[in-house]
Structure formats: C-alpha cells, structure tokens
C-alpha cells in the first residue's frame, strides 16, 4: 500500500502541474479557448485531490521495516 500512496502522490502532482500549463495555454489568447481552460481546471483540481489523498494515505500507513 505504501507504493500506491507514493505513486498517487507523484501522479497527482504531475497532473496538477500539467493542468496549470494547459490552463495557461488556454487563457493566453485574446479569445480564451473554453476547452483548454475547462480541461486545465479539471486537471488541476483532480491532481490536487489525488496528491492530497496520496499524502494522507502515506501518513496513515505504518512504516515497513
């Protein structure tokens, strides 16, 4: 279970970062692209939630020796 929490944390942070980039690309134009802005926001929110769940999971699991 410790590996799952690490993977979920790393994947959540990456998805949130990519979502931030996609949001920036979508809002950089004079006429903002609705699809890119929406996709970026969804990716940022999902990534932050995934990273938070992974961090909480890693703190709740006892250390393996």
PDB file of N, CA and C in Angstrom:
ATOM      1  N   UNK A   1       0.817  -1.195   0.000  1.00  0.00           N
ATOM      2  CA  UNK A   1       0.000   0.000   0.000  1.00  0.00           C
ATOM      3  C   UNK A   1       0.860   1.258   0.000  1.00  0.00           C
ATOM      4  N   UNK A   2       2.066   1.168   0.525  1.00  0.00           N
ATOM      5  CA  UNK A   2       2.938   2.339   0.561  1.00  0.00           C
ATOM      6  C   UNK A   2       3.319   2.774  -0.851  1.00  0.00           C
ATOM      7  N   UNK A   3       3.514   1.797  -1.742  1.00  0.00           N
ATOM      8  CA  UNK A   3       3.863   2.136  -3.118  1.00  0.00           C
ATOM      9  C   UNK A   3       2.708   2.851  -3.822  1.00  0.00           C
ATOM     10  N   UNK A   4       1.490   2.414  -3.546  1.00  0.00           N
ATOM     11  CA  UNK A   4       0.316   3.045  -4.163  1.00  0.00           C
ATOM     12  C   UNK A   4       0.202   4.499  -3.720  1.00  0.00           C
ATOM     13  N   UNK A   5       0.465   4.759  -2.451  1.00  0.00           N
ATOM     14  CA  UNK A   5       0.372   6.134  -1.964  1.00  0.00           C
ATOM     15  C   UNK A   5       1.446   7.014  -2.591  1.00  0.00           C
ATOM     16  N   UNK A   6       2.647   6.472  -2.777  1.00  0.00           N
ATOM     17  CA  UNK A   6       3.711   7.254  -3.415  1.00  0.00           C
ATOM     18  C   UNK A   6       3.388   7.540  -4.876  1.00  0.00           C
ATOM     19  N   UNK A   7       2.885   6.530  -5.570  1.00  0.00           N
ATOM     20  CA  UNK A   7       2.533   6.710  -6.982  1.00  0.00           C
ATOM     21  C   UNK A   7       1.390   7.710  -7.120  1.00  0.00           C
ATOM     22  N   UNK A   8       0.383   7.609  -6.261  1.00  0.00           N
ATOM     23  CA  UNK A   8      -0.753   8.520  -6.316  1.00  0.00           C
ATOM     24  C   UNK A   8      -0.319   9.956  -6.026  1.00  0.00           C
ATOM     25  N   UNK A   9       0.577  10.133  -5.077  1.00  0.00           N
ATOM     26  CA  UNK A   9       1.072  11.472  -4.767  1.00  0.00           C
ATOM     27  C   UNK A   9       1.836  12.054  -5.946  1.00  0.00           C
ATOM     28  N   UNK A  10       2.742  11.278  -6.507  1.00  0.00           N
ATOM     29  CA  UNK A  10       3.542  11.763  -7.636  1.00  0.00           C
ATOM     30  C   UNK A  10       2.670  12.040  -8.858  1.00  0.00           C
ATOM     31  N   UNK A  11       1.759  11.130  -9.143  1.00  0.00           N
ATOM     32  CA  UNK A  11       0.886  11.304 -10.302  1.00  0.00           C
ATOM     33  C   UNK A  11      -0.035  12.511 -10.118  1.00  0.00           C
ATOM     34  N   UNK A  12      -0.542  12.711  -8.915  1.00  0.00           N
ATOM     35  CA  UNK A  12      -1.408  13.860  -8.651  1.00  0.00           C
ATOM     36  C   UNK A  12      -0.685  15.184  -8.836  1.00  0.00           C
ATOM     37  N   UNK A  13       0.557  15.254  -8.384  1.00  0.00           N
ATOM     38  CA  UNK A  13       1.315  16.492  -8.543  1.00  0.00           C
ATOM     39  C   UNK A  13       1.636  16.765 -10.009  1.00  0.00           C
ATOM     40  N   UNK A  14       1.934  15.726 -10.765  1.00  0.00           N
ATOM     41  CA  UNK A  14       2.222  15.902 -12.189  1.00  0.00           C
ATOM     42  C   UNK A  14       0.969  16.342 -12.941  1.00  0.00           C
ATOM     43  N   UNK A  15      -0.156  15.711 -12.654  1.00  0.00           N
ATOM     44  CA  UNK A  15      -1.407  16.075 -13.332  1.00  0.00           C
ATOM     45  C   UNK A  15      -1.799  17.513 -12.997  1.00  0.00           C
ATOM     46  N   UNK A  16      -1.601  17.926 -11.763  1.00  0.00           N
ATOM     47  CA  UNK A  16      -1.917  19.305 -11.392  1.00  0.00           C
ATOM     48  C   UNK A  16      -1.010  20.292 -12.125  1.00  0.00           C
ATOM     49  N   UNK A  17       0.256  19.957 -12.281  1.00  0.00           N
ATOM     50  CA  UNK A  17       1.185  20.837 -12.989  1.00  0.00           C
ATOM     51  C   UNK A  17       0.843  20.942 -14.475  1.00  0.00           C
ATOM     52  N   UNK A  18       0.530  19.818 -15.084  1.00  0.00           N
ATOM     53  CA  UNK A  18       0.146  19.830 -16.496  1.00  0.00           C
ATOM     54  C   UNK A  18      -1.169  20.594 -16.670  1.00  0.00           C
ATOM     55  N   UNK A  19      -2.092  20.431 -15.739  1.00  0.00           N
ATOM     56  CA  UNK A  19      -3.349  21.174 -15.795  1.00  0.00           C
ATOM     57  C   UNK A  19      -3.124  22.677 -15.722  1.00  0.00           C
ATOM     58  N   UNK A  20      -2.179  23.089 -14.897  1.00  0.00           N
ATOM     59  CA  UNK A  20      -1.842  24.505 -14.795  1.00  0.00           C
ATOM     60  C   UNK A  20      -1.287  25.020 -16.124  1.00  0.00           C
ATOM     61  N   UNK A  21      -0.452  24.208 -16.778  1.00  0.00           N
ATOM     62  CA  UNK A  21       0.108  24.584 -18.073  1.00  0.00           C
ATOM     63  C   UNK A  21      -0.976  24.679 -19.143  1.00  0.00           C
ATOM     64  N   UNK A  22      -1.872  23.695 -19.178  1.00  0.00           N
ATOM     65  CA  UNK A  22      -2.957  23.702 -20.164  1.00  0.00           C
ATOM     66  C   UNK A  22      -3.877  24.892 -19.921  1.00  0.00           C
ATOM     67  N   UNK A  23      -4.154  25.201 -18.671  1.00  0.00           N
ATOM     68  CA  UNK A  23      -4.975  26.372 -18.342  1.00  0.00           C
ATOM     69  C   UNK A  23      -4.296  27.652 -18.829  1.00  0.00           C
ATOM     70  N   UNK A  24      -2.994  27.756 -18.628  1.00  0.00           N
ATOM     71  CA  UNK A  24      -2.262  28.927 -19.089  1.00  0.00           C
ATOM     72  C   UNK A  24      -2.279  29.070 -20.594  1.00  0.00           C
ATOM     73  N   UNK A  25      -2.135  27.951 -21.301  1.00  0.00           N
ATOM     74  CA  UNK A  25      -2.193  27.987 -22.755  1.00  0.00           C
ATOM     75  C   UNK A  25      -3.580  28.419 -23.227  1.00  0.00           C
ATOM     76  N   UNK A  26      -4.607  27.890 -22.595  1.00  0.00           N
ATOM     77  CA  UNK A  26      -5.975  28.230 -22.998  1.00  0.00           C
ATOM     78  C   UNK A  26      -6.344  29.666 -22.727  1.00  0.00           C
ATOM     79  N   UNK A  27      -5.795  30.245 -21.672  1.00  0.00           N
ATOM     80  CA  UNK A  27      -6.168  31.625 -21.337  1.00  0.00           C
ATOM     81  C   UNK A  27      -5.200  32.661 -21.904  1.00  0.00           C
ATOM     82  N   UNK A  28      -4.200  32.237 -22.651  1.00  0.00           N
ATOM     83  CA  UNK A  28      -3.201  33.169 -23.167  1.00  0.00           C
ATOM     84  C   UNK A  28      -3.675  33.922 -24.403  1.00  0.00           C
ATOM     85  N   UNK A  29      -4.710  33.453 -25.039  1.00  0.00           N
ATOM     86  CA  UNK A  29      -5.173  34.080 -26.267  1.00  0.00           C
ATOM     87  C   UNK A  29      -6.146  35.211 -25.960  1.00  0.00           C
ATOM     88  N   UNK A  30      -6.346  36.078 -26.960  1.00  0.00           N
ATOM     89  CA  UNK A  30      -7.305  37.181 -26.811  1.00  0.00           C
ATOM     90  C   UNK A  30      -8.704  36.608 -26.607  1.00  0.00           C
ATOM     91  N   UNK A  31      -9.037  35.570 -27.377  1.00  0.00           N
ATOM     92  CA  UNK A  31     -10.300  34.852 -27.224  1.00  0.00           C
ATOM     93  C   UNK A  31      -9.975  33.526 -26.532  1.00  0.00           C
ATOM     94  N   UNK A  32     -10.118  33.458 -25.202  1.00  0.00           N
ATOM     95  CA  UNK A  32      -9.704  32.254 -24.482  1.00  0.00           C
ATOM     96  C   UNK A  32     -10.418  31.006 -24.988  1.00  0.00           C
ATOM     97  N   UNK A  33      -9.652  29.918 -25.128  1.00  0.00           N
ATOM     98  CA  UNK A  33     -10.229  28.649 -25.552  1.00  0.00           C
ATOM     99  C   UNK A  33     -10.962  27.999 -24.405  1.00  0.00           C
ATOM    100  N   UNK A  34     -12.238  27.797 -24.573  1.00  0.00           N
ATOM    101  CA  UNK A  34     -13.056  27.241 -23.497  1.00  0.00           C
ATOM    102  C   UNK A  34     -12.658  25.830 -23.124  1.00  0.00           C
ATOM    103  N   UNK A  35     -12.317  25.016 -24.121  1.00  0.00           N
ATOM    104  CA  UNK A  35     -11.963  23.623 -23.846  1.00  0.00           C
ATOM    105  C   UNK A  35     -10.670  23.529 -23.042  1.00  0.00           C
ATOM    106  N   UNK A  36      -9.657  24.307 -23.429  1.00  0.00           N
ATOM    107  CA  UNK A  36      -8.381  24.252 -22.715  1.00  0.00           C
ATOM    108  C   UNK A  36      -8.508  24.775 -21.289  1.00  0.00           C
ATOM    109  N   UNK A  37      -9.268  25.821 -21.113  1.00  0.00           N
ATOM    110  CA  UNK A  37      -9.446  26.387 -19.769  1.00  0.00           C
ATOM    111  C   UNK A  37     -10.181  25.391 -18.877  1.00  0.00           C
ATOM    112  N   UNK A  38     -11.247  24.796 -19.391  1.00  0.00           N
ATOM    113  CA  UNK A  38     -12.018  23.826 -18.608  1.00  0.00           C
ATOM    114  C   UNK A  38     -11.176  22.590 -18.306  1.00  0.00           C
ATOM    115  N   UNK A  39     -10.481  22.076 -19.308  1.00  0.00           N
ATOM    116  CA  UNK A  39      -9.634  20.897 -19.107  1.00  0.00           C
ATOM    117  C   UNK A  39      -8.533  21.184 -18.101  1.00  0.00           C
ATOM    118  N   UNK A  40      -7.927  22.361 -18.189  1.00  0.00           N
ATOM    119  CA  UNK A  40      -6.878  22.729 -17.240  1.00  0.00           C
ATOM    120  C   UNK A  40      -7.389  22.799 -15.811  1.00  0.00           C
ATOM    121  N   UNK A  41      -8.566  23.389 -15.630  1.00  0.00           N
ATOM    122  CA  UNK A  41      -9.140  23.473 -14.285  1.00  0.00           C
ATOM    123  C   UNK A  41      -9.473  22.087 -13.722  1.00  0.00           C
ATOM    124  N   UNK A  42     -10.044  21.233 -14.566  1.00  0.00           N
ATOM    125  CA  UNK A  42     -10.386  19.880 -14.119  1.00  0.00           C
ATOM    126  C   UNK A  42      -9.123  19.109 -13.750  1.00  0.00           C
ATOM    127  N   UNK A  43      -8.083  19.241 -14.557  1.00  0.00           N
ATOM    128  CA  UNK A  43      -6.833  18.531 -14.272  1.00  0.00           C
ATOM    129  C   UNK A  43      -6.182  19.054 -12.994  1.00  0.00           C
ATOM    130  N   UNK A  44      -6.216  20.367 -12.785  1.00  0.00           N
ATOM    131  CA  UNK A  44      -5.636  20.923 -11.558  1.00  0.00           C
ATOM    132  C   UNK A  44      -6.376  20.426 -10.325  1.00  0.00           C
ATOM    133  N   UNK A  45      -7.687  20.446 -10.375  1.00  0.00           N
ATOM    134  CA  UNK A  45      -8.478  20.009  -9.218  1.00  0.00           C
ATOM    135  C   UNK A  45      -8.276  18.523  -8.956  1.00  0.00           C
ATOM    136  N   UNK A  46      -8.331  17.713 -10.015  1.00  0.00           N
ATOM    137  CA  UNK A  46      -8.142  16.265  -9.846  1.00  0.00           C
ATOM    138  C   UNK A  46      -6.734  15.952  -9.353  1.00  0.00           C
ATOM    139  N   UNK A  47      -5.747  16.663  -9.841  1.00  0.00           N
ATOM    140  CA  UNK A  47      -4.377  16.432  -9.405  1.00  0.00           C
ATOM    141  C   UNK A  47      -4.151  16.787  -7.948  1.00  0.00           C
ATOM    142  N   UNK A  48      -4.712  17.895  -7.523  1.00  0.00           N
ATOM    143  CA  UNK A  48      -4.568  18.292  -6.111  1.00  0.00           C
ATOM    144  C   UNK A  48      -5.280  17.296  -5.193  1.00  0.00           C
ATOM    145  N   UNK A  49      -6.457  16.863  -5.591  1.00  0.00           N
ATOM    146  CA  UNK A  49      -7.185  15.872  -4.784  1.00  0.00           C
ATOM    147  C   UNK A  49      -6.413  14.562  -4.732  1.00  0.00           C
ATOM    148  N   UNK A  50      -5.888  14.115  -5.873  1.00  0.00           N
ATOM    149  CA  UNK A  50      -5.109  12.878  -5.900  1.00  0.00           C
ATOM    150  C   UNK A  50      -3.857  12.967  -5.054  1.00  0.00           C
ATOM    151  N   UNK A  51      -3.158  14.080  -5.133  1.00  0.00           N
ATOM    152  CA  UNK A  51      -1.954  14.257  -4.320  1.00  0.00           C
ATOM    153  C   UNK A  51      -2.292  14.293  -2.829  1.00  0.00           C
ATOM    154  N   UNK A  52      -3.377  14.960  -2.476  1.00  0.00           N
ATOM    155  CA  UNK A  52      -3.781  15.022  -1.071  1.00  0.00           C
ATOM    156  C   UNK A  52      -4.151  13.645  -0.539  1.00  0.00           C
ATOM    157  N   UNK A  53      -4.871  12.869  -1.342  1.00  0.00           N
ATOM    158  CA  UNK A  53      -5.227  11.503  -0.919  1.00  0.00           C
ATOM    159  C   UNK A  53      -3.978  10.653  -0.764  1.00  0.00           C
ATOM    160  N   UNK A  54      -3.028  10.782  -1.685  1.00  0.00           N
ATOM    161  CA  UNK A  54      -1.783  10.029  -1.583  1.00  0.00           C
ATOM    162  C   UNK A  54      -0.974  10.398  -0.348  1.00  0.00           C
ATOM    163  N   UNK A  55      -0.923  11.679  -0.023  1.00  0.00           N
ATOM    164  CA  UNK A  55      -0.180  12.115   1.166  1.00  0.00           C
ATOM    165  C   UNK A  55      -0.848  11.600   2.436  1.00  0.00           C
ATOM    166  N   UNK A  56      -2.173  11.688   2.488  1.00  0.00           N
ATOM    167  CA  UNK A  56      -2.890  11.188   3.669  1.00  0.00           C
ATOM    168  C   UNK A  56      -2.701   9.679   3.804  1.00  0.00           C
ATOM    169  N   UNK A  57      -2.742   8.958   2.678  1.00  0.00           N
ATOM    170  CA  UNK A  57      -2.524   7.516   2.718  1.00  0.00           C
ATOM    171  C   UNK A  57      -1.124   7.177   3.238  1.00  0.00           C
ATOM    172  N   UNK A  58      -0.135   7.924   2.800  1.00  0.00           N
ATOM    173  CA  UNK A  58       1.235   7.632   3.225  1.00  0.00           C
ATOM    174  C   UNK A  58       1.445   7.919   4.717  1.00  0.00           C
ATOM    175  N   UNK A  59       0.715   8.868   5.249  1.00  0.00           N
ATOM    176  CA  UNK A  59       0.843   9.179   6.686  1.00  0.00           C
ATOM    177  C   UNK A  59       0.090   8.170   7.551  1.00  0.00           C
ATOM    178  N   UNK A  60      -0.957   7.545   7.006  1.00  0.00           N
ATOM    179  CA  UNK A  60      -1.767   6.603   7.774  1.00  0.00           C
ATOM    180  C   UNK A  60      -1.192   5.185   7.785  1.00  0.00           C
ATOM    181  N   UNK A  61      -0.337   4.863   6.804  1.00  0.00           N
ATOM    182  CA  UNK A  61       0.219   3.522   6.704  1.00  0.00           C
ATOM    183  C   UNK A  61       1.446   3.427   7.608  1.00  0.00           C
ATOM    184  N   UNK A  62       1.520   2.391   8.442  1.00  0.00           N
ATOM    185  CA  UNK A  62       2.697   2.229   9.299  1.00  0.00           C
ATOM    186  C   UNK A  62       3.942   1.914   8.468  1.00  0.00           C
ATOM    187  N   UNK A  63       5.082   2.336   8.974  1.00  0.00           N
ATOM    188  CA  UNK A  63       6.350   2.104   8.284  1.00  0.00           C
ATOM    189  C   UNK A  63       6.670   0.624   8.239  1.00  0.00           C
ATOM    190  N   UNK A  64       7.155   0.172   7.075  1.00  0.00           N
ATOM    191  CA  UNK A  64       7.546  -1.224   6.922  1.00  0.00           C
ATOM    192  C   UNK A  64       9.061  -1.336   7.078  1.00  0.00           C
ATOM    193  N   UNK A  65       9.510  -2.274   7.849  1.00  0.00           N
ATOM    194  CA  UNK A  65      10.945  -2.454   8.093  1.00  0.00           C
ATOM    195  C   UNK A  65      11.446  -3.631   7.327  1.00  0.00           C
TER     196      UNK A  65
END
